[in-house]
Amino acid sequence: MPASAVRIVEVGPRDGLQNIKEPITTATKVELIQRLERTGLRTIELTSIVSPRAIPQLSDCQDVLSGQSVKRLQADPDRRFPVLVPNLKGLDIAIRYGVREVAVFVSATEGFSRANINCSVGEGIQRARCVAEKAAQYGIAVRGYVSCIFADPYDGPTEPSAVLHAARALLGMGCYEVSLGDTLGVGTPSKVHSLVTYLVENDIPIDQLAGHFHDTYGQGASNVWQAYQCGMRVFDSSVSGLGGCPFAPGAKGNVATEDLVYMFDNAGVETGVDLSRLVETGTWISETLSRKNASRAQKEIYHVYRTYSGVDHP
């Protein structure tokens, strides 16, 4: 893609839904994936293969993956449909369903690691390494996540060296890309600049980093723009700002995909995403789930497109 273009990783079907307590039908999840794919998004995280006790909302992960429509989407060689897997058992299930890409995650901090996956940072890295090594044997691409890059809800501020340690470990085990997660949404542009600069100065390639910013304090889009100015070109987001983490009390949803596409479109940066269709999708899922749409740009964009373009995508 052009040097100035960005790739948006849509995490709504997984990260966006996992914290919602009310049951969501499998059919709704599959339709959300289909609608997102029709917007032109090239990477969509489908689900997570986790224990139903840990994340009840994703207990139908195998039903999502076994559907014919999702299988057809995954057959497209030009798109990525990662599935988050916490352990080898999850990877084995992913292999069974023909998943071509998985994601592994580690925490930069001890408190969140123990709350989230019930082990130390070192143990979490080793668990992820086992998944990555076996995935490689099956030709499955692996993406990595680092949680709590700025702060931990249990331990407080995160040392940049801890983020560096986690990022190095993920790249060393074969992850093609590491997504830096501001799990609590406490980041600011100055913090983003400082951390990204520190990582690059310590030999972490900028083209193997992605930004995953939550919008707890309304800084999500600003943080994305700052990371873009630092040279980052891949960003995670969630349609209508869905999201939150069950193990990070108080954390709000991900930065809204609509807001990022609007921001980049107006800056002349290519996203490959149809904004009008994306807004329709965000409106649909918000209404379906009876939840407020957290996209700041959505209301005006929706009005403008409906009034002036005559576009009303299904």
C-alpha atoms as a PDB file:
ATOM      1  CA  MET A   1       0.000   0.000   0.000  1.00  0.00           C
ATOM      2  CA  PRO A   2       1.145   3.641  -0.438  1.00  0.00           C
ATOM      3  CA  ALA A   3       3.557   4.864   2.212  1.00  0.00           C
ATOM      4  CA  SER A   4       0.974   7.270   3.627  1.00  0.00           C
ATOM      5  CA  ALA A   5      -1.915   4.761   3.632  1.00  0.00           C
ATOM      6  CA  VAL A   6      -3.112   3.015   6.776  1.00  0.00           C
ATOM      7  CA  ARG A   7      -4.519  -0.428   7.491  1.00  0.00           C
ATOM      8  CA  ILE A   8      -7.346  -0.519   9.979  1.00  0.00           C
ATOM      9  CA  VAL A   9      -7.827  -3.692  11.997  1.00  0.00           C
ATOM     10  CA  GLU A  10     -11.493  -3.959  12.935  1.00  0.00           C
ATOM     11  CA  VAL A  11     -11.815  -5.613  16.352  1.00  0.00           C
ATOM     12  CA  GLY A  12     -15.530  -5.053  16.912  1.00  0.00           C
ATOM     13  CA  PRO A  13     -16.714  -8.660  16.547  1.00  0.00           C
ATOM     14  CA  ARG A  14     -14.262  -9.768  19.253  1.00  0.00           C
ATOM     15  CA  ASP A  15     -12.983  -6.963  21.461  1.00  0.00           C
ATOM     16  CA  GLY A  16     -16.074  -4.878  20.851  1.00  0.00           C
ATOM     17  CA  LEU A  17     -18.563  -7.522  21.968  1.00  0.00           C
ATOM     18  CA  GLN A  18     -16.699  -9.473  24.651  1.00  0.00           C
ATOM     19  CA  ASN A  19     -17.667  -7.192  27.552  1.00  0.00           C
ATOM     20  CA  ILE A  20     -21.394  -7.009  26.761  1.00  0.00           C
ATOM     21  CA  LYS A  21     -23.351  -9.055  29.282  1.00  0.00           C
ATOM     22  CA  GLU A  22     -26.636  -9.304  27.392  1.00  0.00           C
ATOM     23  CA  PRO A  23     -26.740 -12.320  25.043  1.00  0.00           C
ATOM     24  CA  ILE A  24     -25.998 -11.575  21.383  1.00  0.00           C
ATOM     25  CA  THR A  25     -27.081 -14.164  18.849  1.00  0.00           C
ATOM     26  CA  THR A  26     -24.537 -15.896  16.660  1.00  0.00           C
ATOM     27  CA  ALA A  27     -26.519 -14.716  13.637  1.00  0.00           C
ATOM     28  CA  THR A  28     -26.029 -11.086  14.706  1.00  0.00           C
ATOM     29  CA  LYS A  29     -22.281 -11.610  15.123  1.00  0.00           C
ATOM     30  CA  VAL A  30     -21.984 -13.204  11.701  1.00  0.00           C
ATOM     31  CA  GLU A  31     -24.030 -10.446  10.088  1.00  0.00           C
ATOM     32  CA  LEU A  32     -21.797  -7.842  11.744  1.00  0.00           C
ATOM     33  CA  ILE A  33     -18.735  -9.538  10.242  1.00  0.00           C
ATOM     34  CA  GLN A  34     -20.368  -9.628   6.803  1.00  0.00           C
ATOM     35  CA  ARG A  35     -21.395  -5.969   6.943  1.00  0.00           C
ATOM     36  CA  LEU A  36     -17.911  -4.923   8.064  1.00  0.00           C
ATOM     37  CA  GLU A  37     -16.335  -6.885   5.222  1.00  0.00           C
ATOM     38  CA  ARG A  38     -18.551  -5.051   2.726  1.00  0.00           C
ATOM     39  CA  THR A  39     -17.165  -1.695   3.916  1.00  0.00           C
ATOM     40  CA  GLY A  40     -13.778  -2.590   2.427  1.00  0.00           C
ATOM     41  CA  LEU A  41     -12.019  -3.356   5.704  1.00  0.00           C
ATOM     42  CA  ARG A  42      -9.124  -5.685   4.939  1.00  0.00           C
ATOM     43  CA  THR A  43      -8.607  -7.064   8.448  1.00  0.00           C
ATOM     44  CA  ILE A  44     -11.436  -8.109  10.771  1.00  0.00           C
ATOM     45  CA  GLU A  45     -10.893  -9.964  14.040  1.00  0.00           C
ATOM     46  CA  LEU A  46     -13.588 -12.637  14.091  1.00  0.00           C
ATOM     47  CA  THR A  47     -13.749 -13.905  17.675  1.00  0.00           C
ATOM     48  CA  SER A  48     -11.683 -15.417  20.470  1.00  0.00           C
ATOM     49  CA  ILE A  49     -11.504 -19.104  21.315  1.00  0.00           C
ATOM     50  CA  VAL A  50     -11.713 -18.837  25.079  1.00  0.00           C
ATOM     51  CA  SER A  51     -13.357 -20.613  27.970  1.00  0.00           C
ATOM     52  CA  PRO A  52     -17.095 -19.842  28.166  1.00  0.00           C
ATOM     53  CA  ARG A  53     -16.589 -19.268  31.871  1.00  0.00           C
ATOM     54  CA  ALA A  54     -14.008 -16.568  31.223  1.00  0.00           C
ATOM     55  CA  ILE A  55     -15.832 -14.719  28.422  1.00  0.00           C
ATOM     56  CA  PRO A  56     -19.465 -15.931  28.217  1.00  0.00           C
ATOM     57  CA  GLN A  57     -20.253 -13.645  25.291  1.00  0.00           C
ATOM     58  CA  LEU A  58     -17.819 -15.530  23.054  1.00  0.00           C
ATOM     59  CA  SER A  59     -18.957 -19.014  24.036  1.00  0.00           C
ATOM     60  CA  ASP A  60     -20.323 -19.445  20.493  1.00  0.00           C
ATOM     61  CA  CYS A  61     -16.902 -18.904  18.913  1.00  0.00           C
ATOM     62  CA  GLN A  62     -16.960 -22.297  17.210  1.00  0.00           C
ATOM     63  CA  ASP A  63     -20.428 -21.625  15.806  1.00  0.00           C
ATOM     64  CA  VAL A  64     -19.151 -18.358  14.317  1.00  0.00           C
ATOM     65  CA  LEU A  65     -16.156 -20.089  12.739  1.00  0.00           C
ATOM     66  CA  SER A  66     -18.134 -23.044  11.410  1.00  0.00           C
ATOM     67  CA  GLY A  67     -20.658 -20.941   9.472  1.00  0.00           C
ATOM     68  CA  GLN A  68     -20.410 -21.190   5.697  1.00  0.00           C
ATOM     69  CA  SER A  69     -20.455 -17.418   5.193  1.00  0.00           C
ATOM     70  CA  VAL A  70     -17.484 -16.937   7.533  1.00  0.00           C
ATOM     71  CA  LYS A  71     -15.655 -19.844   5.900  1.00  0.00           C
ATOM     72  CA  ARG A  72     -16.125 -18.178   2.506  1.00  0.00           C
ATOM     73  CA  LEU A  73     -14.733 -14.904   3.804  1.00  0.00           C
ATOM     74  CA  GLN A  74     -11.664 -16.620   5.229  1.00  0.00           C
ATOM     75  CA  ALA A  75     -10.931 -18.129   1.835  1.00  0.00           C
ATOM     76  CA  ASP A  76     -10.119 -14.653   0.451  1.00  0.00           C
ATOM     77  CA  PRO A  77      -6.294 -14.541   0.219  1.00  0.00           C
ATOM     78  CA  ASP A  78      -6.266 -10.735   0.190  1.00  0.00           C
ATOM     79  CA  ARG A  79      -7.950 -10.293   3.562  1.00  0.00           C
ATOM     80  CA  ARG A  80      -7.037 -11.135   7.118  1.00  0.00           C
ATOM     81  CA  PHE A  81      -9.486 -12.629   9.632  1.00  0.00           C
ATOM     82  CA  PRO A  82      -7.492 -13.226  12.827  1.00  0.00           C
ATOM     83  CA  VAL A  83      -8.856 -15.191  15.771  1.00  0.00           C
ATOM     84  CA  LEU A  84      -7.526 -14.558  19.270  1.00  0.00           C
ATOM     85  CA  VAL A  85      -6.314 -17.733  20.985  1.00  0.00           C
ATOM     86  CA  PRO A  86      -5.018 -17.826  24.578  1.00  0.00           C
ATOM     87  CA  ASN A  87      -3.439 -21.266  24.559  1.00  0.00           C
ATOM     88  CA  LEU A  88      -2.678 -24.417  22.585  1.00  0.00           C
ATOM     89  CA  LYS A  89      -6.173 -25.793  23.124  1.00  0.00           C
ATOM     90  CA  GLY A  90      -7.595 -22.700  21.448  1.00  0.00           C
ATOM     91  CA  LEU A  91      -5.084 -23.008  18.621  1.00  0.00           C
ATOM     92  CA  ASP A  92      -6.061 -26.629  18.008  1.00  0.00           C
ATOM     93  CA  ILE A  93      -9.683 -25.554  17.618  1.00  0.00           C
ATOM     94  CA  ALA A  94      -8.649 -22.758  15.262  1.00  0.00           C
ATOM     95  CA  ILE A  95      -6.707 -25.242  13.140  1.00  0.00           C
ATOM     96  CA  ARG A  96      -9.742 -27.498  13.007  1.00  0.00           C
ATOM     97  CA  TYR A  97     -11.795 -24.685  11.482  1.00  0.00           C
ATOM     98  CA  GLY A  98      -9.186 -23.685   8.925  1.00  0.00           C
ATOM     99  CA  VAL A  99      -8.240 -20.357  10.522  1.00  0.00           C
ATOM    100  CA  ARG A 100      -5.360 -18.745   8.603  1.00  0.00           C
ATOM    101  CA  GLU A 101      -4.323 -16.200  11.241  1.00  0.00           C
ATOM    102  CA  VAL A 102      -4.366 -16.129  15.015  1.00  0.00           C
ATOM    103  CA  ALA A 103      -3.505 -13.519  17.608  1.00  0.00           C
ATOM    104  CA  VAL A 104      -1.719 -14.068  20.910  1.00  0.00           C
ATOM    105  CA  PHE A 105      -1.546 -11.654  23.793  1.00  0.00           C
ATOM    106  CA  VAL A 106       0.702 -10.835  26.708  1.00  0.00           C
ATOM    107  CA  SER A 107       0.566  -8.166  29.356  1.00  0.00           C
ATOM    108  CA  ALA A 108       3.411  -5.750  29.934  1.00  0.00           C
ATOM    109  CA  THR A 109       2.512  -5.802  33.627  1.00  0.00           C
ATOM    110  CA  GLU A 110       2.164  -8.441  36.322  1.00  0.00           C
ATOM    111  CA  GLY A 111      -1.119  -7.360  37.895  1.00  0.00           C
ATOM    112  CA  PHE A 112      -3.131  -7.413  34.688  1.00  0.00           C
ATOM    113  CA  SER A 113      -1.455 -10.629  33.543  1.00  0.00           C
ATOM    114  CA  ARG A 114      -2.576 -12.434  36.668  1.00  0.00           C
ATOM    115  CA  ALA A 115      -6.095 -10.985  36.519  1.00  0.00           C
ATOM    116  CA  ASN A 116      -6.518 -11.630  32.800  1.00  0.00           C
ATOM    117  CA  ILE A 117      -4.818 -14.977  32.201  1.00  0.00           C
ATOM    118  CA  ASN A 118      -3.937 -16.102  35.741  1.00  0.00           C
ATOM    119  CA  CYS A 119      -0.180 -16.244  35.277  1.00  0.00           C
ATOM    120  CA  SER A 120       2.927 -14.079  35.438  1.00  0.00           C
ATOM    121  CA  VAL A 121       4.229 -12.044  32.514  1.00  0.00           C
ATOM    122  CA  GLY A 122       6.983 -14.573  31.929  1.00  0.00           C
ATOM    123  CA  GLU A 123       4.544 -17.479  31.960  1.00  0.00           C
ATOM    124  CA  GLY A 124       2.232 -15.582  29.611  1.00  0.00           C
ATOM    125  CA  ILE A 125       5.068 -15.010  27.157  1.00  0.00           C
ATOM    126  CA  GLN A 126       5.969 -18.702  27.238  1.00  0.00           C
ATOM    127  CA  ARG A 127       2.327 -19.652  26.661  1.00  0.00           C
ATOM    128  CA  ALA A 128       2.166 -17.312  23.676  1.00  0.00           C
ATOM    129  CA  ARG A 129       5.466 -18.708  22.352  1.00  0.00           C
ATOM    130  CA  CYS A 130       4.072 -22.252  22.391  1.00  0.00           C
ATOM    131  CA  VAL A 131       1.065 -21.074  20.361  1.00  0.00           C
ATOM    132  CA  ALA A 132       3.206 -19.111  17.905  1.00  0.00           C
ATOM    133  CA  GLU A 133       5.628 -21.974  17.322  1.00  0.00           C
ATOM    134  CA  LYS A 134       2.882 -24.512  16.655  1.00  0.00           C
ATOM    135  CA  ALA A 135       0.976 -22.051  14.451  1.00  0.00           C
ATOM    136  CA  ALA A 136       4.105 -21.622  12.328  1.00  0.00           C
ATOM    137  CA  GLN A 137       4.222 -25.378  11.754  1.00  0.00           C
ATOM    138  CA  TYR A 138       0.765 -25.128  10.184  1.00  0.00           C
ATOM    139  CA  GLY A 139       1.541 -22.027   8.123  1.00  0.00           C
ATOM    140  CA  ILE A 140      -0.715 -19.859  10.265  1.00  0.00           C
ATOM    141  CA  ALA A 141       0.224 -16.182  10.602  1.00  0.00           C
ATOM    142  CA  VAL A 142       0.499 -14.818  14.154  1.00  0.00           C
ATOM    143  CA  ARG A 143      -0.235 -11.318  15.384  1.00  0.00           C
ATOM    144  CA  GLY A 144       0.708 -10.198  18.893  1.00  0.00           C
ATOM    145  CA  TYR A 145      -0.952  -7.939  21.455  1.00  0.00           C
ATOM    146  CA  VAL A 146       0.676  -6.177  24.390  1.00  0.00           C
ATOM    147  CA  SER A 147      -1.777  -5.011  27.079  1.00  0.00           C
ATOM    148  CA  CYS A 148      -1.437  -2.109  29.518  1.00  0.00           C
ATOM    149  CA  ILE A 149       1.239  -0.143  27.680  1.00  0.00           C
ATOM    150  CA  PHE A 150       0.701   2.975  29.808  1.00  0.00           C
ATOM    151  CA  ALA A 151      -0.888   1.765  33.026  1.00  0.00           C
ATOM    152  CA  ASP A 152      -2.149  -1.321  34.838  1.00  0.00           C
ATOM    153  CA  PRO A 153      -5.400  -1.156  36.867  1.00  0.00           C
ATOM    154  CA  TYR A 154      -3.679  -3.071  39.674  1.00  0.00           C
ATOM    155  CA  ASP A 155      -0.026  -1.966  39.453  1.00  0.00           C
ATOM    156  CA  GLY A 156      -0.228   1.643  38.317  1.00  0.00           C
ATOM    157  CA  PRO A 157       1.981   3.254  35.623  1.00  0.00           C
ATOM    158  CA  THR A 158       3.808   0.937  33.219  1.00  0.00           C
ATOM    159  CA  GLU A 159       7.551   1.240  32.667  1.00  0.00           C
ATOM    160  CA  PRO A 160       8.452   1.608  28.957  1.00  0.00           C
ATOM    161  CA  SER A 161      11.083  -1.091  29.454  1.00  0.00           C
ATOM    162  CA  ALA A 162       8.292  -3.545  30.293  1.00  0.00           C
ATOM    163  CA  VAL A 163       6.568  -2.767  26.992  1.00  0.00           C
ATOM    164  CA  LEU A 164       9.880  -3.183  25.164  1.00  0.00           C
ATOM    165  CA  HIS A 165      10.416  -6.569  26.811  1.00  0.00           C
ATOM    166  CA  ALA A 166       6.969  -7.796  25.731  1.00  0.00           C
ATOM    167  CA  ALA A 167       7.281  -6.439  22.178  1.00  0.00           C
ATOM    168  CA  ARG A 168      10.708  -8.026  21.710  1.00  0.00           C
ATOM    169  CA  ALA A 169       9.395 -11.353  22.969  1.00  0.00           C
ATOM    170  CA  LEU A 170       6.422 -11.323  20.581  1.00  0.00           C
ATOM    171  CA  LEU A 171       8.524 -10.408  17.558  1.00  0.00           C
ATOM    172  CA  GLY A 172      11.128 -12.959  18.591  1.00  0.00           C
ATOM    173  CA  MET A 173       8.574 -15.763  18.614  1.00  0.00           C
ATOM    174  CA  GLY A 174       7.520 -14.920  15.054  1.00  0.00           C
ATOM    175  CA  CYS A 175       4.649 -12.449  15.318  1.00  0.00           C
ATOM    176  CA  TYR A 176       4.561 -10.437  12.099  1.00  0.00           C
ATOM    177  CA  GLU A 177       3.109  -7.449  13.958  1.00  0.00           C
ATOM    178  CA  VAL A 178       2.695  -6.269  17.559  1.00  0.00           C
ATOM    179  CA  SER A 179      -0.344  -4.241  18.571  1.00  0.00           C
ATOM    180  CA  LEU A 180       0.331  -1.882  21.478  1.00  0.00           C
ATOM    181  CA  GLY A 181      -2.743  -1.791  23.698  1.00  0.00           C
ATOM    182  CA  ASP A 182      -3.695   1.178  25.848  1.00  0.00           C
ATOM    183  CA  THR A 183      -6.083  -1.075  27.753  1.00  0.00           C
ATOM    184  CA  LEU A 184      -7.214   1.600  30.234  1.00  0.00           C
ATOM    185  CA  GLY A 185      -7.377   4.413  27.693  1.00  0.00           C
ATOM    186  CA  VAL A 186      -5.138   6.664  29.788  1.00  0.00           C
ATOM    187  CA  GLY A 187      -2.724   7.506  26.980  1.00  0.00           C
ATOM    188  CA  THR A 188      -2.183  10.994  25.608  1.00  0.00           C
ATOM    189  CA  PRO A 189      -0.358  12.114  22.456  1.00  0.00           C
ATOM    190  CA  SER A 190       2.744  13.029  24.440  1.00  0.00           C
ATOM    191  CA  LYS A 191       2.814   9.581  26.046  1.00  0.00           C
ATOM    192  CA  VAL A 192       2.333   7.940  22.655  1.00  0.00           C
ATOM    193  CA  HIS A 193       5.201   9.928  21.143  1.00  0.00           C
ATOM    194  CA  SER A 194       7.483   9.111  24.056  1.00  0.00           C
ATOM    195  CA  LEU A 195       6.754   5.370  24.045  1.00  0.00           C
ATOM    196  CA  VAL A 196       6.903   4.869  20.276  1.00  0.00           C
ATOM    197  CA  THR A 197      10.153   6.839  20.070  1.00  0.00           C
ATOM    198  CA  TYR A 198      11.622   4.753  22.886  1.00  0.00           C
ATOM    199  CA  LEU A 199      10.658   1.473  21.198  1.00  0.00           C
ATOM    200  CA  VAL A 200      12.061   2.516  17.825  1.00  0.00           C
ATOM    201  CA  GLU A 201      15.277   3.755  19.406  1.00  0.00           C
ATOM    202  CA  ASN A 202      15.587   0.297  20.943  1.00  0.00           C
ATOM    203  CA  ASP A 203      15.370  -1.438  17.558  1.00  0.00           C
ATOM    204  CA  ILE A 204      11.658  -2.277  17.388  1.00  0.00           C
ATOM    205  CA  PRO A 205      10.732  -1.688  13.709  1.00  0.00           C
ATOM    206  CA  ILE A 206       7.953   0.875  13.337  1.00  0.00           C
ATOM    207  CA  ASP A 207       6.501  -1.107  10.438  1.00  0.00           C
ATOM    208  CA  GLN A 208       5.871  -4.021  12.801  1.00  0.00           C
ATOM    209  CA  LEU A 209       3.942  -1.947  15.331  1.00  0.00           C
ATOM    210  CA  ALA A 210       0.221  -1.222  15.484  1.00  0.00           C
ATOM    211  CA  GLY A 211      -1.776   1.014  17.815  1.00  0.00           C
ATOM    212  CA  HIS A 212      -4.730  -0.173  19.888  1.00  0.00           C
ATOM    213  CA  PHE A 213      -6.149   2.795  21.779  1.00  0.00           C
ATOM    214  CA  HIS A 214      -9.176   2.832  24.033  1.00  0.00           C
ATOM    215  CA  ASP A 215     -11.149   6.041  24.341  1.00  0.00           C
ATOM    216  CA  THR A 216     -11.772   6.326  28.091  1.00  0.00           C
ATOM    217  CA  TYR A 217     -10.730   9.990  28.245  1.00  0.00           C
ATOM    218  CA  GLY A 218     -11.566  10.942  24.666  1.00  0.00           C
ATOM    219  CA  GLN A 219      -7.955  10.738  23.515  1.00  0.00           C
ATOM    220  CA  GLY A 220      -8.251   7.741  21.174  1.00  0.00           C
ATOM    221  CA  ALA A 221      -8.250   9.510  17.812  1.00  0.00           C
ATOM    222  CA  SER A 222      -5.612  12.007  18.956  1.00  0.00           C
ATOM    223  CA  ASN A 223      -3.383   9.148  20.034  1.00  0.00           C
ATOM    224  CA  VAL A 224      -3.842   7.432  16.683  1.00  0.00           C
ATOM    225  CA  TRP A 225      -2.892  10.607  14.840  1.00  0.00           C
ATOM    226  CA  GLN A 226       0.212  11.049  16.993  1.00  0.00           C
ATOM    227  CA  ALA A 227       1.251   7.444  16.342  1.00  0.00           C
ATOM    228  CA  TYR A 228       0.688   8.041  12.626  1.00  0.00           C
ATOM    229  CA  GLN A 229       2.982  11.068  12.796  1.00  0.00           C
ATOM    230  CA  CYS A 230       5.587   8.792  14.422  1.00  0.00           C
ATOM    231  CA  GLY A 231       5.426   6.508  11.382  1.00  0.00           C
ATOM    232  CA  MET A 232       2.904   3.882  12.513  1.00  0.00           C
ATOM    233  CA  ARG A 233       0.521   2.740   9.774  1.00  0.00           C
ATOM    234  CA  VAL A 234      -1.698   0.065  11.385  1.00  0.00           C
ATOM    235  CA  PHE A 235      -4.443   0.815  13.905  1.00  0.00           C
ATOM    236  CA  ASP A 236      -7.030  -1.273  15.736  1.00  0.00           C
ATOM    237  CA  SER A 237     -10.521   0.130  16.175  1.00  0.00           C
ATOM    238  CA  SER A 238     -14.082  -0.961  16.765  1.00  0.00           C
ATOM    239  CA  VAL A 239     -17.208  -0.007  14.847  1.00  0.00           C
ATOM    240  CA  SER A 240     -19.355   2.461  16.843  1.00  0.00           C
ATOM    241  CA  GLY A 241     -16.685   2.431  19.570  1.00  0.00           C
ATOM    242  CA  LEU A 242     -17.826  -0.895  21.006  1.00  0.00           C
ATOM    243  CA  GLY A 243     -15.547  -2.428  23.586  1.00  0.00           C
ATOM    244  CA  GLY A 244     -14.134  -2.558  27.059  1.00  0.00           C
ATOM    245  CA  CYS A 245     -12.270  -5.204  29.018  1.00  0.00           C
ATOM    246  CA  PRO A 246     -13.799  -7.356  31.770  1.00  0.00           C
ATOM    247  CA  PHE A 247     -10.446  -7.356  33.586  1.00  0.00           C
ATOM    248  CA  ALA A 248      -9.850  -3.596  33.396  1.00  0.00           C
ATOM    249  CA  PRO A 249     -12.502  -1.880  35.535  1.00  0.00           C
ATOM    250  CA  GLY A 250     -13.514   1.531  34.192  1.00  0.00           C
ATOM    251  CA  ALA A 251     -11.936   1.143  30.767  1.00  0.00           C
ATOM    252  CA  LYS A 252     -14.186   2.328  27.974  1.00  0.00           C
ATOM    253  CA  GLY A 253     -14.503   1.071  24.421  1.00  0.00           C
ATOM    254  CA  ASN A 254     -12.044   1.153  21.581  1.00  0.00           C
ATOM    255  CA  VAL A 255     -11.634   4.223  19.441  1.00  0.00           C
ATOM    256  CA  ALA A 256     -14.458   4.162  16.884  1.00  0.00           C
ATOM    257  CA  THR A 257     -13.604   2.961  13.386  1.00  0.00           C
ATOM    258  CA  GLU A 258     -15.879   5.630  11.903  1.00  0.00           C
ATOM    259  CA  ASP A 259     -13.893   8.373  13.659  1.00  0.00           C
ATOM    260  CA  LEU A 260     -10.580   7.045  12.357  1.00  0.00           C
ATOM    261  CA  VAL A 261     -11.798   6.703   8.769  1.00  0.00           C
ATOM    262  CA  TYR A 262     -13.293  10.206   8.923  1.00  0.00           C
ATOM    263  CA  MET A 263     -10.055  11.629  10.317  1.00  0.00           C
ATOM    264  CA  PHE A 264      -7.812   9.924   7.784  1.00  0.00           C
ATOM    265  CA  ASP A 265     -10.120  10.628   4.840  1.00  0.00           C
ATOM    266  CA  ASN A 266     -10.043  14.333   5.648  1.00  0.00           C
ATOM    267  CA  ALA A 267      -6.251  14.231   5.923  1.00  0.00           C
ATOM    268  CA  GLY A 268      -5.955  12.651   2.485  1.00  0.00           C
ATOM    269  CA  VAL A 269      -4.733   9.352   3.939  1.00  0.00           C
ATOM    270  CA  GLU A 270      -6.006   6.243   2.181  1.00  0.00           C
ATOM    271  CA  THR A 271      -7.922   3.700   4.284  1.00  0.00           C
ATOM    272  CA  GLY A 272      -9.727   1.683   1.608  1.00  0.00           C
ATOM    273  CA  VAL A 273     -12.907   1.877   3.673  1.00  0.00           C
ATOM    274  CA  ASP A 274     -16.307   3.110   2.446  1.00  0.00           C
ATOM    275  CA  LEU A 275     -17.266   5.593   5.164  1.00  0.00           C
ATOM    276  CA  SER A 276     -20.965   5.743   4.307  1.00  0.00           C
ATOM    277  CA  ARG A 277     -21.308   1.969   4.457  1.00  0.00           C
ATOM    278  CA  LEU A 278     -19.306   1.898   7.697  1.00  0.00           C
ATOM    279  CA  VAL A 279     -21.599   4.474   9.290  1.00  0.00           C
ATOM    280  CA  GLU A 280     -24.614   2.410   8.270  1.00  0.00           C
ATOM    281  CA  THR A 281     -23.022  -0.636   9.895  1.00  0.00           C
ATOM    282  CA  GLY A 282     -22.272   1.240  13.117  1.00  0.00           C
ATOM    283  CA  THR A 283     -25.816   2.554  13.246  1.00  0.00           C
ATOM    284  CA  TRP A 284     -27.235  -0.924  12.646  1.00  0.00           C
ATOM    285  CA  ILE A 285     -25.190  -2.691  15.343  1.00  0.00           C
ATOM    286  CA  SER A 286     -25.861   0.057  17.886  1.00  0.00           C
ATOM    287  CA  GLU A 287     -29.604  -0.164  17.277  1.00  0.00           C
ATOM    288  CA  THR A 288     -29.521  -3.975  17.263  1.00  0.00           C
ATOM    289  CA  LEU A 289     -27.753  -4.063  20.626  1.00  0.00           C
ATOM    290  CA  SER A 290     -29.774  -1.116  22.007  1.00  0.00           C
ATOM    291  CA  ARG A 291     -26.541   0.673  22.848  1.00  0.00           C
ATOM    292  CA  LYS A 292     -25.468   4.257  22.352  1.00  0.00           C
ATOM    293  CA  ASN A 293     -23.196   4.734  19.356  1.00  0.00           C
ATOM    294  CA  ALA A 294     -19.916   6.028  20.781  1.00  0.00           C
ATOM    295  CA  SER A 295     -18.608   7.382  17.471  1.00  0.00           C
ATOM    296  CA  ARG A 296     -18.281  11.143  17.728  1.00  0.00           C
ATOM    297  CA  ALA A 297     -18.440  11.581  13.967  1.00  0.00           C
ATOM    298  CA  GLN A 298     -21.296   9.155  13.329  1.00  0.00           C
ATOM    299  CA  LYS A 299     -24.283  11.390  14.003  1.00  0.00           C
ATOM    300  CA  GLU A 300     -23.306  14.153  11.599  1.00  0.00           C
ATOM    301  CA  ILE A 301     -21.885  11.784   8.996  1.00  0.00           C
ATOM    302  CA  TYR A 302     -25.051   9.685   9.067  1.00  0.00           C
ATOM    303  CA  HIS A 303     -27.201  12.788   8.580  1.00  0.00           C
ATOM    304  CA  VAL A 304     -25.079  14.136   5.736  1.00  0.00           C
ATOM    305  CA  TYR A 305     -24.891  10.867   3.821  1.00  0.00           C
ATOM    306  CA  ARG A 306     -28.586  10.153   4.225  1.00  0.00           C
ATOM    307  CA  THR A 307     -29.588  13.666   3.215  1.00  0.00           C
ATOM    308  CA  TYR A 308     -27.236  14.419   0.345  1.00  0.00           C
ATOM    309  CA  SER A 309     -25.876  11.207  -1.119  1.00  0.00           C
ATOM    310  CA  GLY A 310     -28.976   9.104  -1.359  1.00  0.00           C
ATOM    311  CA  VAL A 311     -26.811   6.192  -0.234  1.00  0.00           C
ATOM    312  CA  ASP A 312     -28.550   3.732   2.054  1.00  0.00           C
ATOM    313  CA  HIS A 313     -26.567   0.515   2.115  1.00  0.00           C
ATOM    314  CA  PRO A 314     -28.170  -2.578   3.621  1.00  0.00           C
END
